[in-house]
Amino acid sequence: NYGAWFSDTLLIPAGQWEYKVTLNNSWSENYGRYGVRDGDNIPLELCAPAKVVFYYYHNDCYNSHYVSSQIFPVQPNTVVIAGTFQNELGCSSDWMPDCDKSRMKLDPYSGYWVDTLLIPAGHWEYKFAIDNSWNENYGAGGARNGSAIVLDLCYPAKVAFSFYHENCYGWGYAQIITSGICVNKFYDNNANGYPDEGEEPIGVYHLH
């Protein structure tokens, strides 16, 4: 056996951190980024408290060293879908990060937060708010404090939402599960089959 693995698990608070691996309780031999001896510190960014597993591996045969970490985020206490349709769901106003009407449930098997809502037709926007506050929220592209996610419905629909929280990102998805087709009717003045500029829509229809 020419190599050996070492690991340790620590609960680390949110913050911008750096670390290295030292041997034999001394800085005389230490390994940083890319396993380089006396190398640069390794950055560790945590947007929320998380369990972090640190790994160190050395191979005597090839005189190689490997330093890494794996982040296991601590789940939020609660997640709310906050947006412009909350008042339609029975919340006292829109953009409420603490309304029970759009509070999600954690699926312990998948690690996803889920909820299904009946939302009226319209142009809507929403984000995922963490722990009943805007201090931590996620929008388009999973970005923290990102722009609102757009949801356009031309007919009332059941929408299945899912959200996965991972350190500095929160990935959210919406799937329309009510069947139907939206038809846009317009006056096609030049008969080219496309709504050109100036050819105003006559109406929008929902077909089951």
Protein backbone atom coordinates (compact mmCIF):
# COMPACT_ATOMS: atom_id res chain seq x y z
CA ASN A 1 0.00 0.00 0.00
CA TYR A 2 1.76 3.14 -1.28
CA GLY A 3 -0.94 5.67 -0.43
CA ALA A 4 -3.25 6.72 2.37
CA TRP A 5 -6.46 8.74 2.68
CA PHE A 6 -7.27 11.08 5.56
CA SER A 7 -10.54 12.93 6.09
CA ASP A 8 -12.42 14.98 8.65
CA THR A 9 -15.94 16.47 8.78
CA LEU A 10 -16.55 19.93 10.24
CA LEU A 11 -19.58 22.20 10.54
CA ILE A 12 -18.43 25.52 9.06
CA PRO A 13 -20.35 28.83 9.32
CA ALA A 14 -21.21 30.92 6.27
CA GLY A 15 -18.32 33.03 5.01
CA GLN A 16 -15.27 33.33 2.77
CA TRP A 17 -12.66 30.87 4.08
CA GLU A 18 -9.24 29.51 3.16
CA TYR A 19 -7.41 26.37 4.25
CA LYS A 20 -4.36 24.13 3.80
CA VAL A 21 -3.27 20.75 5.14
CA THR A 22 -0.40 20.53 7.62
CA LEU A 23 1.47 17.38 8.63
CA ASN A 24 2.73 16.36 12.07
CA ASN A 25 1.32 19.44 13.85
CA SER A 26 3.71 21.79 12.10
CA TRP A 27 3.93 24.17 9.16
CA SER A 28 7.22 22.54 8.17
CA GLU A 29 5.32 20.37 5.70
CA ASN A 30 2.03 21.68 4.34
CA TYR A 31 0.04 21.37 1.13
CA GLY A 32 -2.27 23.90 -0.48
CA ARG A 33 -4.02 24.40 -3.79
CA TYR A 34 -3.53 21.57 -6.31
CA GLY A 35 -1.65 19.63 -3.64
CA VAL A 36 1.45 21.82 -4.00
CA ARG A 37 3.81 21.88 -1.04
CA ASP A 38 3.80 25.37 0.55
CA GLY A 39 1.22 26.22 -2.11
CA ASP A 40 -1.53 28.82 -2.13
CA ASN A 41 -4.40 28.64 0.32
CA ILE A 42 -7.48 26.81 -0.97
CA PRO A 43 -10.61 29.03 -1.07
CA LEU A 44 -13.89 27.83 0.43
CA GLU A 45 -17.04 29.90 -0.05
CA LEU A 46 -20.13 29.10 2.01
CA CYS A 47 -23.31 31.14 1.61
CA ALA A 48 -24.90 29.24 4.49
CA PRO A 49 -23.63 26.97 7.29
CA ALA A 50 -22.64 23.58 5.90
CA LYS A 51 -20.98 20.31 6.79
CA VAL A 52 -17.69 20.14 4.93
CA VAL A 53 -15.67 16.95 4.47
CA PHE A 54 -11.95 17.66 4.02
CA TYR A 55 -9.75 15.11 2.24
CA TYR A 56 -6.01 14.59 2.08
CA TYR A 57 -4.32 11.81 0.11
CA HIS A 58 -0.65 11.10 -0.41
CA ASN A 59 1.04 8.52 -2.61
CA ASP A 60 4.57 7.66 -1.59
CA CYS A 61 5.31 5.88 -4.87
CA TYR A 62 4.66 8.98 -7.00
CA ASN A 63 5.33 11.54 -4.26
CA SER A 64 1.92 13.08 -5.00
CA HIS A 65 -0.47 14.86 -2.67
CA TYR A 66 -4.16 15.60 -3.06
CA VAL A 67 -6.18 18.11 -1.01
CA SER A 68 -9.91 18.71 -1.51
CA SER A 69 -13.24 19.27 0.24
CA GLN A 70 -16.88 18.36 -0.34
CA ILE A 71 -19.74 20.57 0.81
CA PHE A 72 -22.94 19.13 2.28
CA PRO A 73 -25.28 22.10 2.78
CA VAL A 74 -27.56 22.23 5.79
CA GLN A 75 -31.16 22.38 4.57
CA PRO A 76 -33.09 25.64 5.18
CA ASN A 77 -35.79 25.62 7.84
CA THR A 78 -38.39 26.56 5.23
CA VAL A 79 -38.77 27.70 1.61
CA VAL A 80 -41.55 29.93 0.23
CA ILE A 81 -42.42 30.63 -3.42
CA ALA A 82 -42.78 34.41 -3.29
CA GLY A 83 -44.08 36.34 -6.29
CA THR A 84 -46.76 38.35 -8.03
CA PHE A 85 -49.40 35.57 -7.82
CA GLN A 86 -49.42 35.22 -4.03
CA ASN A 87 -52.38 37.52 -3.51
CA GLU A 88 -54.34 35.30 -5.92
CA LEU A 89 -53.52 32.32 -3.68
CA GLY A 90 -54.89 33.95 -0.53
CA CYS A 91 -51.80 35.72 0.83
CA SER A 92 -52.39 39.23 2.19
CA SER A 93 -50.10 40.68 -0.50
CA ASP A 94 -47.59 39.71 -3.19
CA TRP A 95 -43.87 39.10 -2.71
CA MET A 96 -44.36 37.73 0.83
CA PRO A 97 -41.41 35.55 1.95
CA ASP A 98 -43.42 34.11 4.87
CA CYS A 99 -46.86 33.24 3.45
CA ASP A 100 -48.08 29.72 4.24
CA LYS A 101 -50.18 29.58 1.05
CA SER A 102 -47.05 29.08 -1.07
CA ARG A 103 -44.80 27.34 1.46
CA MET A 104 -42.94 24.33 0.07
CA LYS A 105 -42.38 20.89 1.63
CA LEU A 106 -39.09 19.03 1.76
CA ASP A 107 -38.95 15.61 0.09
CA PRO A 108 -36.46 13.77 2.35
CA TYR A 109 -35.68 11.18 -0.34
CA SER A 110 -34.75 13.53 -3.19
CA GLY A 111 -33.63 16.54 -1.14
CA TYR A 112 -35.93 18.77 -3.21
CA TRP A 113 -38.47 21.23 -1.84
CA VAL A 114 -41.79 20.77 -3.69
CA ASP A 115 -45.27 22.27 -3.97
CA THR A 116 -48.11 22.33 -6.50
CA LEU A 117 -50.19 25.51 -6.86
CA LEU A 118 -53.27 26.41 -8.90
CA ILE A 119 -52.37 29.71 -10.55
CA PRO A 120 -54.69 31.91 -12.67
CA ALA A 121 -53.90 32.96 -16.22
CA GLY A 122 -51.51 35.90 -16.47
CA HIS A 123 -47.93 37.08 -16.60
CA TRP A 124 -46.29 36.24 -13.28
CA GLU A 125 -42.90 36.53 -11.62
CA TYR A 126 -41.52 34.69 -8.59
CA LYS A 127 -38.44 33.79 -6.53
CA PHE A 128 -37.64 31.31 -3.77
CA ALA A 129 -37.31 32.90 -0.32
CA ILE A 130 -35.39 31.09 2.44
CA ASP A 131 -36.38 30.99 6.12
CA ASN A 132 -39.25 33.51 5.86
CA SER A 133 -36.95 36.36 4.82
CA TRP A 134 -35.45 38.12 1.80
CA ASN A 135 -31.99 37.85 3.37
CA GLU A 136 -31.46 34.72 1.29
CA ASN A 137 -33.41 34.25 -1.93
CA TYR A 138 -32.86 32.68 -5.35
CA GLY A 139 -34.10 33.66 -8.79
CA ALA A 140 -33.38 32.96 -12.44
CA GLY A 141 -30.44 30.67 -13.14
CA GLY A 142 -30.23 29.64 -9.49
CA ALA A 143 -28.43 32.88 -8.59
CA ARG A 144 -28.65 34.23 -5.07
CA ASN A 145 -30.53 37.56 -5.11
CA GLY A 146 -30.98 36.95 -8.85
CA SER A 147 -33.66 38.37 -11.11
CA ALA A 148 -37.23 37.09 -10.81
CA ILE A 149 -38.29 33.97 -12.71
CA VAL A 150 -41.02 34.54 -15.32
CA LEU A 151 -44.12 32.36 -15.59
CA ASP A 152 -46.62 33.03 -18.40
CA LEU A 153 -49.98 31.26 -18.31
CA CYS A 154 -52.71 31.88 -20.89
CA TYR A 155 -55.12 29.71 -18.87
CA PRO A 156 -55.46 28.75 -15.20
CA ALA A 157 -53.12 25.85 -14.50
CA LYS A 158 -51.73 23.60 -11.83
CA VAL A 159 -48.00 24.28 -11.63
CA ALA A 160 -45.58 21.91 -9.91
CA PHE A 161 -42.64 23.77 -8.37
CA SER A 162 -39.40 22.17 -7.20
CA PHE A 163 -36.36 23.76 -5.57
CA TYR A 164 -32.93 22.40 -4.69
CA HIS A 165 -30.66 24.30 -2.32
CA GLU A 166 -26.91 23.88 -2.79
CA ASN A 167 -24.52 26.23 -0.99
CA CYS A 168 -24.50 29.53 -2.91
CA TYR A 169 -27.09 28.42 -5.46
CA GLY A 170 -30.76 27.48 -5.35
CA TRP A 171 -32.09 25.78 -8.44
CA GLY A 172 -35.83 26.17 -9.00
CA TYR A 173 -38.12 24.69 -11.63
CA ALA A 174 -41.79 24.98 -12.59
CA GLN A 175 -43.74 22.43 -14.61
CA ILE A 176 -47.25 23.10 -15.91
CA ILE A 177 -49.21 19.90 -15.31
CA THR A 178 -52.66 21.04 -16.56
CA SER A 179 -53.20 20.10 -20.19
CA GLY A 180 -54.17 22.74 -22.73
CA ILE A 181 -53.07 24.75 -25.76
CA CYS A 182 -52.94 28.53 -26.09
CA VAL A 183 -53.96 29.94 -29.50
CA ASN A 184 -53.10 33.53 -30.44
CA LYS A 185 -55.42 34.95 -33.11
CA PHE A 186 -54.33 37.96 -35.20
CA TYR A 187 -55.26 39.68 -38.44
CA ASP A 188 -52.68 38.56 -41.03
CA ASN A 189 -52.83 41.54 -43.39
CA ASN A 190 -50.08 40.29 -45.75
CA ALA A 191 -51.05 36.60 -45.41
CA ASN A 192 -47.53 35.44 -44.55
CA GLY A 193 -48.60 33.36 -41.55
CA TYR A 194 -46.67 35.47 -39.01
CA PRO A 195 -47.72 38.37 -36.76
CA ASP A 196 -45.79 41.26 -38.29
CA GLU A 197 -45.44 44.72 -36.77
CA GLY A 198 -48.78 46.48 -36.81
CA GLU A 199 -50.80 43.25 -37.02
CA GLU A 200 -52.44 43.41 -33.63
CA PRO A 201 -53.72 40.29 -31.83
CA ILE A 202 -57.49 39.75 -31.88
CA GLY A 203 -57.58 37.42 -28.88
CA VAL A 204 -56.04 34.56 -26.96
CA TYR A 205 -57.90 31.30 -26.64
CA HIS A 206 -57.42 28.25 -24.46
CA LEU A 207 -58.15 24.85 -25.97
CA HIS A 208 -58.43 21.74 -23.77
